[in-house]
N, C-alpha and C. Protein backbone atom coordinates (compact mmCIF):
# COMPACT_ATOMS: atom_id res chain seq x y z
N UNK A 1 -27.26 0.15 -3.58
CA UNK A 1 -28.16 0.28 -3.11
C UNK A 1 -29.08 0.96 -3.68
N UNK A 2 -28.62 1.93 -4.55
CA UNK A 2 -29.78 2.34 -5.55
C UNK A 2 -31.00 1.59 -6.15
N UNK A 3 -30.28 0.33 -6.44
CA UNK A 3 -31.48 -0.36 -6.99
C UNK A 3 -32.45 -0.55 -6.27
N UNK A 4 -32.26 -1.22 -5.00
CA UNK A 4 -33.48 -1.24 -3.99
C UNK A 4 -34.07 0.40 -4.17
N UNK A 5 -33.86 1.09 -4.05
CA UNK A 5 -34.54 2.68 -3.74
C UNK A 5 -35.46 2.74 -5.15
N UNK A 6 -34.68 2.05 -6.71
CA UNK A 6 -35.18 2.38 -7.69
C UNK A 6 -36.68 1.14 -7.74
N UNK A 7 -36.25 0.17 -6.75
CA UNK A 7 -37.39 -0.90 -6.79
C UNK A 7 -38.69 -0.07 -6.19
N UNK A 8 -38.26 0.22 -4.89
CA UNK A 8 -39.67 0.55 -4.32
C UNK A 8 -40.35 2.08 -5.09
N UNK A 9 -39.13 2.70 -5.34
CA UNK A 9 -40.01 4.11 -6.36
C UNK A 9 -40.94 3.45 -7.31
N UNK A 10 -40.55 2.37 -8.12
CA UNK A 10 -41.17 1.49 -9.23
C UNK A 10 -42.63 0.71 -8.50
N UNK A 11 -42.79 0.07 -7.58
CA UNK A 11 -43.66 -0.36 -7.05
C UNK A 11 -44.41 0.36 -5.84
N UNK A 12 -43.96 1.63 -5.46
CA UNK A 12 -44.90 2.02 -4.37
C UNK A 12 -46.81 2.73 -4.45
N UNK A 13 -46.83 2.60 -5.70
CA UNK A 13 -48.19 2.33 -5.81
C UNK A 13 -48.74 1.67 -5.75
N UNK A 14 -48.28 0.24 -5.70
CA UNK A 14 -48.84 -1.18 -5.66
C UNK A 14 -48.94 -1.15 -3.77
N UNK A 15 -48.00 -1.58 -3.70
CA UNK A 15 -47.66 -1.85 -2.19
C UNK A 15 -47.39 -1.02 -1.12
N UNK A 16 -46.92 0.32 -1.46
CA UNK A 16 -46.86 1.19 -0.41
C UNK A 16 -45.01 1.46 -0.23
N UNK A 17 -44.74 2.45 0.34
CA UNK A 17 -43.38 2.55 0.93
C UNK A 17 -42.82 2.33 1.73
N UNK A 18 -43.81 2.39 2.94
CA UNK A 18 -43.38 1.60 4.19
C UNK A 18 -43.04 0.07 4.36
N UNK A 19 -44.29 -0.54 3.96
CA UNK A 19 -44.18 -2.02 3.21
C UNK A 19 -43.03 -2.34 2.65
N UNK A 20 -42.41 -1.73 1.18
CA UNK A 20 -41.75 -2.37 0.33
C UNK A 20 -40.38 -1.92 1.31
N UNK A 21 -40.04 -1.05 2.06
CA UNK A 21 -39.17 -0.50 2.90
C UNK A 21 -38.63 -1.46 3.57
N UNK A 22 -40.09 -2.08 4.40
CA UNK A 22 -39.49 -2.85 5.36
C UNK A 22 -38.82 -4.24 4.86
N UNK A 23 -39.52 -4.74 4.07
CA UNK A 23 -39.52 -6.36 3.29
C UNK A 23 -37.56 -5.73 2.64
N UNK A 24 -37.34 -4.67 2.00
CA UNK A 24 -35.83 -5.22 1.79
C UNK A 24 -34.75 -4.38 2.79
N UNK A 25 -35.28 -4.23 3.44
CA UNK A 25 -34.34 -3.99 5.18
C UNK A 25 -33.80 -2.09 5.17
N UNK A 26 -34.48 -1.04 4.02
CA UNK A 26 -34.03 -0.24 4.06
C UNK A 26 -34.82 0.96 4.67
N UNK A 27 -34.50 1.96 4.94
CA UNK A 27 -35.24 2.97 6.13
C UNK A 27 -35.68 3.77 5.39
N UNK A 28 -37.15 4.34 5.49
CA UNK A 28 -37.85 4.91 4.57
C UNK A 28 -37.04 6.47 4.86
N UNK A 29 -36.53 7.12 5.54
CA UNK A 29 -35.66 8.42 5.08
C UNK A 29 -34.81 8.64 4.37
N UNK A 30 -34.44 6.94 4.16
CA UNK A 30 -33.28 7.14 2.96
C UNK A 30 -33.87 6.97 1.51
N UNK A 31 -34.73 6.29 2.06
CA UNK A 31 -35.43 6.45 0.36
C UNK A 31 -35.93 7.80 -0.02
N UNK A 32 -36.50 8.34 1.03
CA UNK A 32 -37.16 9.62 0.64
C UNK A 32 -35.80 10.77 0.28
N UNK A 33 -34.65 10.35 0.92
CA UNK A 33 -33.53 11.27 0.37
C UNK A 33 -33.26 10.93 -0.86
N UNK A 34 -32.74 9.68 -0.96
CA UNK A 34 -32.54 9.18 -2.40
C UNK A 34 -33.52 10.13 -3.22
N UNK A 35 -34.77 10.15 -3.12
CA UNK A 35 -35.84 10.69 -4.25
C UNK A 35 -35.73 12.05 -4.23
N UNK A 36 -35.61 12.64 -3.37
CA UNK A 36 -35.77 14.23 -3.21
C UNK A 36 -34.23 14.74 -3.64
N UNK A 37 -32.96 14.37 -3.40
CA UNK A 37 -31.86 14.26 -4.30
C UNK A 37 -31.30 14.06 -5.63
N UNK A 38 -32.38 13.22 -6.41
CA UNK A 38 -32.37 12.84 -7.72
C UNK A 38 -31.66 13.81 -9.04
N UNK A 39 -32.31 15.21 -8.61
CA UNK A 39 -32.13 16.15 -9.50
C UNK A 39 -30.22 16.50 -9.61
N UNK A 40 -30.64 16.40 -8.67
CA UNK A 40 -28.65 16.47 -8.07
C UNK A 40 -27.62 15.85 -8.72
N UNK A 41 -28.19 13.96 -8.28
CA UNK A 41 -27.73 12.84 -8.73
C UNK A 41 -27.00 13.14 -10.02
N UNK A 42 -28.46 13.34 -11.06
CA UNK A 42 -28.02 13.27 -12.20
C UNK A 42 -27.65 14.43 -12.74
N UNK A 43 -27.37 15.87 -12.28
CA UNK A 43 -26.88 16.62 -12.64
C UNK A 43 -25.09 16.37 -12.65
N UNK A 44 -24.71 15.92 -11.42
CA UNK A 44 -23.50 15.30 -10.81
C UNK A 44 -23.03 14.14 -12.41
N UNK A 45 -23.87 13.14 -12.88
CA UNK A 45 -23.38 12.20 -13.65
C UNK A 45 -23.62 12.90 -14.84
N UNK A 46 -24.46 14.27 -15.11
CA UNK A 46 -24.11 14.92 -16.85
C UNK A 46 -22.76 16.02 -16.90
N UNK A 47 -22.44 16.15 -15.46
CA UNK A 47 -21.00 16.90 -15.09
C UNK A 47 -19.85 15.91 -15.17
N UNK A 48 -19.91 15.06 -15.03
CA UNK A 48 -18.72 13.76 -14.93
C UNK A 48 -18.36 13.40 -16.51
N UNK A 49 -20.20 13.39 -16.93
CA UNK A 49 -20.00 12.95 -18.25
C UNK A 49 -19.36 14.21 -19.35
N UNK A 50 -19.39 15.40 -18.95
CA UNK A 50 -19.01 16.32 -19.57
C UNK A 50 -16.96 16.41 -19.03
N UNK A 51 -16.96 16.15 -18.18
CA UNK A 51 -15.60 15.92 -17.52
C UNK A 51 -14.99 14.77 -18.33
N UNK A 52 -15.75 13.75 -18.72
CA UNK A 52 -15.07 12.36 -18.83
C UNK A 52 -14.15 13.32 -20.56
N UNK A 53 -15.68 13.45 -21.38
CA UNK A 53 -15.16 13.83 -22.60
C UNK A 53 -13.79 15.04 -22.49
N UNK A 54 -13.66 15.63 -21.98
CA UNK A 54 -12.19 16.88 -21.64
C UNK A 54 -11.31 16.22 -21.35
N UNK A 55 -11.32 14.60 -19.78
CA UNK A 55 -10.10 13.88 -19.81
C UNK A 55 -9.67 12.92 -21.22
N UNK A 56 -10.42 12.61 -21.60
CA UNK A 56 -10.39 11.75 -22.96
C UNK A 56 -9.21 12.91 -24.01
N UNK A 57 -9.65 13.75 -23.89
CA UNK A 57 -9.01 14.58 -25.52
C UNK A 57 -7.89 15.29 -24.74
N UNK A 58 -7.71 15.58 -23.35
CA UNK A 58 -6.14 15.62 -22.51
C UNK A 58 -5.26 14.37 -22.79
N UNK A 59 -5.81 13.41 -22.52
CA UNK A 59 -5.40 12.24 -22.40
C UNK A 59 -4.67 12.02 -23.92
N UNK A 60 -5.37 12.22 -24.83
CA UNK A 60 -5.00 11.35 -26.34
C UNK A 60 -4.04 12.32 -26.65
N UNK A 61 -4.47 13.60 -26.39
CA UNK A 61 -3.54 14.68 -26.67
C UNK A 61 -2.03 14.41 -26.61
N UNK A 62 -2.09 13.91 -25.19
CA UNK A 62 -0.45 13.22 -25.01
C UNK A 62 0.27 12.10 -25.13
N UNK A 63 -0.67 11.18 -25.91
CA UNK A 63 -0.99 10.10 -26.58
C UNK A 63 -0.34 9.11 -25.35
N UNK A 64 -1.45 9.37 -24.71
CA UNK A 64 -1.61 8.42 -23.62
C UNK A 64 -1.12 8.13 -22.33
N UNK A 65 -0.08 9.33 -22.42
CA UNK A 65 1.11 9.28 -21.46
C UNK A 65 0.91 9.77 -20.32
N UNK A 66 -0.28 10.62 -19.84
CA UNK A 66 -0.20 11.89 -18.74
C UNK A 66 -1.81 10.77 -18.08
N UNK A 67 -1.03 10.96 -16.53
CA UNK A 67 -1.79 10.49 -15.72
C UNK A 67 -2.70 11.17 -14.93
N UNK A 68 -3.04 11.12 -13.86
CA UNK A 68 -3.63 11.80 -12.61
C UNK A 68 -3.45 13.19 -12.51
N UNK A 69 -2.06 13.47 -12.03
CA UNK A 69 -1.68 14.68 -11.61
C UNK A 69 -1.62 15.62 -12.71
N UNK A 70 -0.73 14.94 -14.31
CA UNK A 70 -1.04 16.15 -15.13
C UNK A 70 -2.04 16.48 -15.87
N UNK A 71 -2.99 15.60 -16.02
CA UNK A 71 -4.28 15.88 -16.68
C UNK A 71 -5.02 16.71 -16.15
N UNK A 72 -5.00 16.80 -14.31
CA UNK A 72 -5.39 17.53 -13.71
C UNK A 72 -4.33 18.87 -13.73
N UNK A 73 -3.46 19.06 -14.10
CA UNK A 73 -2.94 20.07 -14.54
C UNK A 73 -3.22 20.63 -15.57
N UNK A 74 -3.63 19.91 -16.78
CA UNK A 74 -3.55 20.39 -18.20
C UNK A 74 -4.95 20.89 -18.33
N UNK A 75 -6.40 20.32 -17.26
CA UNK A 75 -7.44 20.61 -16.72
C UNK A 75 -7.80 21.97 -16.19
N UNK A 76 -6.95 22.82 -15.17
CA UNK A 76 -7.15 23.61 -14.49
C UNK A 76 -6.10 24.34 -15.64
N UNK A 77 -5.17 24.41 -16.18
CA UNK A 77 -4.87 25.48 -17.29
C UNK A 77 -5.44 26.06 -18.05
N UNK A 78 -5.68 24.84 -19.00
CA UNK A 78 -6.81 25.04 -20.35
C UNK A 78 -8.47 25.08 -19.87
N UNK A 79 -8.72 24.86 -18.85
CA UNK A 79 -10.41 24.86 -19.31
C UNK A 79 -11.08 26.21 -18.09
N UNK A 80 -10.79 26.58 -17.51
CA UNK A 80 -10.55 28.20 -16.52
C UNK A 80 -11.64 27.34 -15.67
N UNK A 81 -11.76 26.21 -15.50
CA UNK A 81 -12.65 25.34 -14.37
C UNK A 81 -11.91 25.08 -13.31
N UNK A 82 -11.94 25.09 -11.97
CA UNK A 82 -10.87 24.27 -11.16
C UNK A 82 -11.44 22.77 -11.01
N UNK A 83 -10.91 22.04 -11.32
CA UNK A 83 -11.35 20.12 -10.63
C UNK A 83 -10.09 20.03 -10.08
N UNK A 84 -10.94 19.08 -9.13
CA UNK A 84 -10.38 18.36 -8.04
C UNK A 84 -9.43 17.24 -8.61
N UNK A 85 -8.34 16.92 -8.24
CA UNK A 85 -7.36 15.51 -8.78
C UNK A 85 -7.90 14.20 -8.08
N UNK A 86 -8.50 14.09 -6.68
CA UNK A 86 -9.39 12.83 -6.89
C UNK A 86 -10.58 13.10 -7.24
N UNK A 87 -11.31 13.91 -8.01
CA UNK A 87 -12.52 13.12 -8.91
C UNK A 87 -12.03 13.29 -10.34
N UNK A 88 -10.90 13.73 -10.90
CA UNK A 88 -9.95 13.76 -11.94
C UNK A 88 -9.79 12.20 -11.53
N UNK A 89 -9.59 11.79 -10.90
CA UNK A 89 -9.10 9.84 -10.56
C UNK A 89 -10.29 8.95 -10.53
N UNK A 90 -11.04 9.61 -9.92
CA UNK A 90 -12.38 8.63 -10.47
C UNK A 90 -12.96 8.70 -11.16
N UNK A 91 -13.04 10.01 -11.98
CA UNK A 91 -13.69 9.54 -13.23
C UNK A 91 -12.37 8.85 -14.64
N UNK A 92 -11.28 9.10 -14.51
CA UNK A 92 -10.50 8.12 -15.23
C UNK A 92 -10.59 6.78 -15.13
N UNK A 93 -10.50 6.42 -13.54
CA UNK A 93 -11.00 5.20 -13.16
C UNK A 93 -12.01 4.38 -13.66
N UNK A 94 -13.44 5.31 -14.21
CA UNK A 94 -14.55 4.77 -14.37
C UNK A 94 -14.26 4.77 -15.93
N UNK A 95 -13.36 5.64 -16.53
CA UNK A 95 -13.91 5.19 -17.97
C UNK A 95 -12.43 4.92 -18.36
N UNK A 96 -11.35 3.85 -17.62
CA UNK A 96 -10.96 3.35 -18.05
C UNK A 96 -9.48 3.65 -18.54
N UNK A 97 -9.00 4.58 -18.21
CA UNK A 97 -7.84 5.57 -18.23
C UNK A 97 -6.87 5.41 -17.55
N UNK A 98 -5.58 5.20 -17.60
CA UNK A 98 -4.35 5.71 -16.77
C UNK A 98 -3.23 6.09 -17.62
N UNK A 99 -2.44 6.70 -16.95
CA UNK A 99 -0.85 7.45 -17.20
C UNK A 99 0.07 5.69 -17.41
N UNK A 100 0.70 6.62 -18.40
CA UNK A 100 2.35 5.25 -18.21
C UNK A 100 3.20 6.16 -17.14
N UNK A 101 3.48 4.08 -16.67
CA UNK A 101 4.75 4.00 -15.95
C UNK A 101 5.60 3.73 -16.27
N UNK A 102 6.69 4.84 -16.15
CA UNK A 102 8.12 4.55 -16.59
C UNK A 102 8.91 3.89 -15.16
N UNK A 103 8.95 4.33 -14.56
CA UNK A 103 9.57 3.77 -13.44
C UNK A 103 9.34 2.23 -12.88
N UNK A 104 10.70 1.91 -12.79
CA UNK A 104 10.19 0.30 -12.27
C UNK A 104 10.75 0.02 -10.85
N UNK A 105 10.22 -0.42 -10.19
CA UNK A 105 10.49 -0.54 -8.70
C UNK A 105 12.06 -1.99 -8.72
N UNK A 106 12.97 -0.56 -8.12
CA UNK A 106 14.69 -1.32 -8.16
C UNK A 106 14.28 -2.26 -6.88
N UNK A 107 14.74 -3.75 -6.92
CA UNK A 107 15.26 -4.90 -6.53
C UNK A 107 16.67 -4.97 -5.78
N UNK A 108 16.60 -4.42 -4.54
CA UNK A 108 17.97 -4.04 -3.58
C UNK A 108 18.51 -5.33 -3.30
N UNK A 109 17.67 -6.57 -3.21
CA UNK A 109 18.27 -8.01 -2.35
C UNK A 109 17.74 -9.08 -3.20
N UNK A 110 18.68 -9.82 -4.08
CA UNK A 110 18.48 -11.19 -4.60
C UNK A 110 18.42 -12.17 -3.72
N UNK A 111 18.04 -12.90 -3.34
CA UNK A 111 18.01 -14.41 -2.24
C UNK A 111 18.26 -15.62 -2.89
N UNK A 112 19.17 -15.88 -2.69
CA UNK A 112 19.46 -16.92 -3.55
C UNK A 112 18.50 -18.23 -2.71
N UNK A 113 17.76 -18.95 -4.34
CA UNK A 113 16.45 -19.93 -3.62
C UNK A 113 17.36 -21.14 -3.15
N UNK A 114 18.76 -21.33 -3.84
CA UNK A 114 19.42 -22.74 -3.04
C UNK A 114 19.58 -22.62 -2.10
N UNK A 115 19.85 -21.51 -1.01
CA UNK A 115 20.68 -21.43 0.24
C UNK A 115 19.75 -21.97 1.21
N UNK A 116 20.18 -22.37 2.37
CA UNK A 116 19.87 -22.92 3.56
C UNK A 116 19.65 -22.11 4.58
N UNK A 117 18.29 -22.08 4.75
CA UNK A 117 17.48 -20.83 5.70
C UNK A 117 17.95 -21.48 7.14
N UNK A 118 18.49 -20.59 7.98
CA UNK A 118 18.92 -20.63 9.30
C UNK A 118 17.37 -20.91 10.14
N UNK A 119 17.16 -21.94 10.46
CA UNK A 119 16.09 -22.02 11.60
C UNK A 119 15.86 -21.13 12.65
N UNK A 120 15.04 -21.28 12.82
CA UNK A 120 13.83 -20.46 13.97
C UNK A 120 14.03 -20.94 15.56
N UNK A 121 15.43 -21.06 15.91
CA UNK A 121 15.51 -21.84 17.18
C UNK A 121 15.20 -21.34 18.30
N UNK A 122 14.56 -20.17 18.72
CA UNK A 122 14.31 -19.65 19.86
C UNK A 122 12.69 -19.06 19.37
N UNK A 123 12.13 -19.33 18.76
CA UNK A 123 10.43 -19.13 18.13
C UNK A 123 10.01 -17.74 18.32
N UNK A 124 10.81 -16.70 18.11
CA UNK A 124 10.54 -15.54 17.88
C UNK A 124 10.70 -15.12 19.24
N UNK A 125 10.55 -15.79 20.38
CA UNK A 125 10.85 -15.49 21.39
C UNK A 125 12.02 -14.65 22.11
N UNK A 126 11.98 -13.34 22.31
CA UNK A 126 13.61 -12.45 22.25
C UNK A 126 13.93 -12.37 23.87
N UNK A 127 13.07 -12.77 24.73
CA UNK A 127 13.22 -12.63 25.99
C UNK A 127 14.14 -14.15 26.40
N UNK A 128 15.43 -13.61 27.15
CA UNK A 128 16.12 -14.33 27.84
C UNK A 128 15.87 -14.90 29.32
N UNK A 129 16.32 -15.82 29.63
CA UNK A 129 16.18 -15.83 30.91
C UNK A 129 17.17 -15.86 32.21
N UNK A 130 18.37 -15.37 31.13
CA UNK A 130 19.44 -15.34 31.96
C UNK A 130 20.52 -14.31 31.00
N UNK A 131 21.14 -13.68 31.47
CA UNK A 131 22.36 -12.77 30.97
C UNK A 131 23.04 -14.30 29.79
N UNK A 132 23.13 -13.55 29.00
CA UNK A 132 24.29 -14.49 27.86
C UNK A 132 23.44 -16.04 27.52
N UNK A 133 22.29 -15.51 27.62
CA UNK A 133 21.87 -17.30 27.34
C UNK A 133 21.33 -17.14 26.19
N UNK A 134 21.25 -16.30 25.25
CA UNK A 134 20.61 -16.26 23.73
C UNK A 134 21.29 -15.41 22.36
N UNK A 135 21.56 -15.79 22.10
CA UNK A 135 22.60 -14.55 20.40
C UNK A 135 21.52 -14.76 19.39
N UNK A 136 21.31 -13.45 19.12
CA UNK A 136 20.57 -13.13 18.17
C UNK A 136 21.59 -12.23 17.26
N UNK A 137 20.88 -12.15 15.97
CA UNK A 137 21.06 -11.09 14.80
C UNK A 137 20.16 -10.31 14.35
N UNK A 138 20.64 -9.33 14.00
CA UNK A 138 20.09 -8.49 12.54
C UNK A 138 20.72 -7.62 11.84
N UNK A 139 19.48 -7.59 10.92
CA UNK A 139 20.58 -6.61 9.97
C UNK A 139 19.78 -5.53 9.50
N UNK A 140 20.44 -4.29 9.67
CA UNK A 140 20.15 -3.03 9.42
C UNK A 140 20.52 -2.13 8.20
N UNK A 141 19.95 -2.31 6.92
CA UNK A 141 19.96 -1.63 6.15
C UNK A 141 21.62 -2.13 5.65
N UNK A 142 22.44 -2.27 5.02
CA UNK A 142 23.82 -2.92 4.59
C UNK A 142 24.68 -3.36 5.82
N UNK A 143 24.31 -3.31 7.44
CA UNK A 143 24.96 -3.86 8.17
C UNK A 143 24.67 -4.64 9.06
N UNK A 144 25.11 -5.90 9.38
CA UNK A 144 24.71 -6.77 10.06
C UNK A 144 25.40 -6.75 11.64
N UNK A 145 24.83 -6.57 12.64
CA UNK A 145 25.08 -6.51 14.13
C UNK A 145 24.97 -8.04 14.76
N UNK A 146 25.96 -8.32 15.76
CA UNK A 146 25.47 -9.46 16.10
C UNK A 146 25.50 -9.33 18.00
N UNK A 147 24.53 -9.70 18.29
CA UNK A 147 24.34 -9.46 19.82
C UNK A 147 23.74 -10.53 21.00
N UNK A 148 24.05 -10.25 22.32
CA UNK A 148 24.21 -11.31 22.63
C UNK A 148 23.29 -10.77 23.92
N UNK A 149 23.03 -11.81 25.15
CA UNK A 149 22.16 -11.71 25.75
C UNK A 149 22.54 -10.49 26.77
N UNK A 150 23.48 -10.09 27.26
CA UNK A 150 24.02 -8.98 27.48
C UNK A 150 23.67 -7.75 27.32
N UNK A 151 23.37 -7.62 26.13
CA UNK A 151 23.40 -6.53 25.21
C UNK A 151 24.14 -5.69 25.06
N UNK A 152 25.63 -6.24 24.73
CA UNK A 152 26.82 -5.76 23.95
C UNK A 152 26.94 -6.29 22.98
N UNK A 153 27.57 -5.81 21.83
CA UNK A 153 27.68 -6.09 20.00
C UNK A 153 29.02 -6.83 20.53
N UNK A 154 29.29 -8.13 20.45
CA UNK A 154 30.57 -8.49 20.07
C UNK A 154 30.88 -8.84 18.55
N UNK A 155 30.37 -8.11 17.86
CA UNK A 155 31.14 -8.36 16.31
C UNK A 155 29.74 -7.13 15.17
N UNK A 156 30.69 -6.94 14.02
CA UNK A 156 29.57 -6.17 13.08
C UNK A 156 29.95 -6.56 11.72
N UNK A 157 29.35 -6.39 11.09
CA UNK A 157 29.82 -7.08 10.09
C UNK A 157 29.03 -6.34 8.35
N UNK A 158 29.74 -5.41 7.19
CA UNK A 158 29.21 -5.11 6.51
C UNK A 158 29.75 -5.04 5.57
N UNK A 159 29.19 -4.10 4.22
CA UNK A 159 29.52 -4.74 3.13
C UNK A 159 31.34 -3.81 3.01
N UNK A 160 32.17 -3.99 1.62
CA UNK A 160 33.18 -3.76 2.06
C UNK A 160 32.90 -1.53 2.27
N UNK A 161 31.97 -1.03 1.06
CA UNK A 161 31.95 0.07 0.78
C UNK A 161 31.05 0.81 1.73
N UNK A 162 30.35 0.35 3.00
CA UNK A 162 29.87 0.61 4.14
C UNK A 162 30.85 1.00 5.36
N UNK A 163 31.77 0.16 5.46
CA UNK A 163 32.58 0.08 6.57
C UNK A 163 34.15 1.10 6.49
N UNK A 164 33.97 2.09 7.88
CA UNK A 164 35.17 2.71 7.70
C UNK A 164 36.76 2.29 7.47
N UNK A 165 37.23 3.06 6.50
CA UNK A 165 38.66 2.61 6.01
C UNK A 165 39.62 2.59 7.20
N UNK A 166 39.46 3.16 8.17
CA UNK A 166 40.34 3.36 9.77
C UNK A 166 40.17 1.98 10.25
N UNK A 167 39.35 1.39 10.08
CA UNK A 167 39.28 -0.27 10.50
C UNK A 167 38.61 0.10 12.08
N UNK A 168 38.25 1.08 12.24
CA UNK A 168 37.49 0.95 13.90
C UNK A 168 36.27 0.31 14.17
N UNK A 169 35.27 0.02 12.84
CA UNK A 169 34.72 -1.06 13.23
C UNK A 169 35.24 -2.37 12.98
N UNK A 170 34.65 -3.17 14.49
CA UNK A 170 34.96 -4.74 14.36
C UNK A 170 34.86 -5.30 13.42
N UNK A 171 35.17 -6.30 12.27
CA UNK A 171 34.70 -7.27 11.41
C UNK A 171 34.67 -8.77 11.96
N UNK A 172 33.36 -9.09 12.14
CA UNK A 172 33.07 -10.46 12.59
C UNK A 172 33.89 -11.79 11.43
N UNK A 173 33.70 -12.34 11.30
CA UNK A 173 33.98 -13.68 10.81
C UNK A 173 32.86 -15.09 11.07
N UNK A 174 32.51 -15.32 9.49
CA UNK A 174 31.00 -16.04 9.78
C UNK A 174 31.31 -17.48 11.06
N UNK A 175 30.79 -18.22 11.59
CA UNK A 175 31.28 -19.08 11.84
C UNK A 175 32.34 -19.13 13.25
N UNK A 176 32.71 -17.58 13.69
CA UNK A 176 33.21 -17.85 14.76
C UNK A 176 32.12 -17.70 15.95
N UNK A 177 32.65 -17.79 17.24
CA UNK A 177 32.06 -17.96 18.36
C UNK A 177 30.80 -16.53 18.55
N UNK A 178 30.06 -17.50 19.03
CA UNK A 178 29.10 -15.79 19.43
C UNK A 178 28.28 -14.94 17.90
N UNK A 179 29.00 -15.30 16.82
CA UNK A 179 28.50 -14.27 15.64
C UNK A 179 27.91 -15.77 14.78
N UNK A 180 26.80 -14.91 13.91
CA UNK A 180 26.34 -16.27 12.77
C UNK A 180 25.96 -15.26 11.59
N UNK A 181 25.38 -15.64 10.81
CA UNK A 181 24.75 -14.81 9.48
C UNK A 181 23.25 -14.66 9.72
N UNK A 182 22.68 -13.77 9.98
CA UNK A 182 21.59 -13.58 10.05
C UNK A 182 20.88 -13.46 8.77
N UNK A 183 21.52 -13.35 7.56
CA UNK A 183 20.53 -12.91 6.24
C UNK A 183 19.68 -14.20 5.94
N UNK A 184 20.16 -15.40 6.65
CA UNK A 184 19.41 -16.66 6.05
C UNK A 184 18.40 -17.00 6.77
N UNK A 185 18.24 -16.37 7.95
CA UNK A 185 16.97 -16.64 8.83
C UNK A 185 16.85 -15.40 9.73
N UNK A 186 15.48 -15.61 10.47
CA UNK A 186 15.09 -14.61 11.74
C UNK A 186 15.93 -14.25 12.82
N UNK A 187 16.56 -15.61 13.47
CA UNK A 187 17.59 -15.75 14.29
C UNK A 187 18.12 -17.10 14.84
N UNK A 188 19.16 -16.85 15.51
CA UNK A 188 19.23 -18.53 15.63
C UNK A 188 20.15 -18.38 17.34
N UNK A 189 19.95 -19.25 18.19
CA UNK A 189 20.64 -19.16 19.72
C UNK A 189 21.57 -20.29 19.67
N UNK A 190 22.46 -19.84 20.90
CA UNK A 190 23.14 -20.93 21.40
C UNK A 190 23.20 -20.37 23.11
N UNK A 191 23.16 -21.83 23.40
CA UNK A 191 23.15 -22.24 24.70
C UNK A 191 24.13 -22.07 25.32
N UNK A 192 24.55 -21.78 26.62
CA UNK A 192 25.81 -22.05 27.19
C UNK A 192 25.59 -22.74 28.48
């Protein structure tokens, strides 16, 4: 947008501000605001350039490992001037600096690509025309629950380390009537 304003400023003597703003589709008040605030913009750009030099110095001293939070803390401790972390992030992005990320995202589930996926037999329509007409399953964290249309749990299944040792949780077996393994698909249906 500022290039349009600069174009108007460069050609205003020849064609006039009103005509150029109409052709370029910008408001005259916006052009005049841009022209009036030019000194503040140049001062902000100079301040950002000084801040970028300080950020480069802190980043270089950390061997390129510090990211926005640590660079901001170092600038606040050593410089005496308070600086916002969002401004530090913007300047670091502009000059192409980033901290080192050591943590990797842990993958909790690895799906078997060769496993057959259960078909979506109910078409994501969980409304049943009658009680006990549709059976669906849900996985919550590490426990599977098998539900029927009457909202009664007919069985559940969990990993060995999650199940209580006293045997109070019923353990359904795959393939038993009314139960299915929901890990390979969204839901399944049995008509009675």
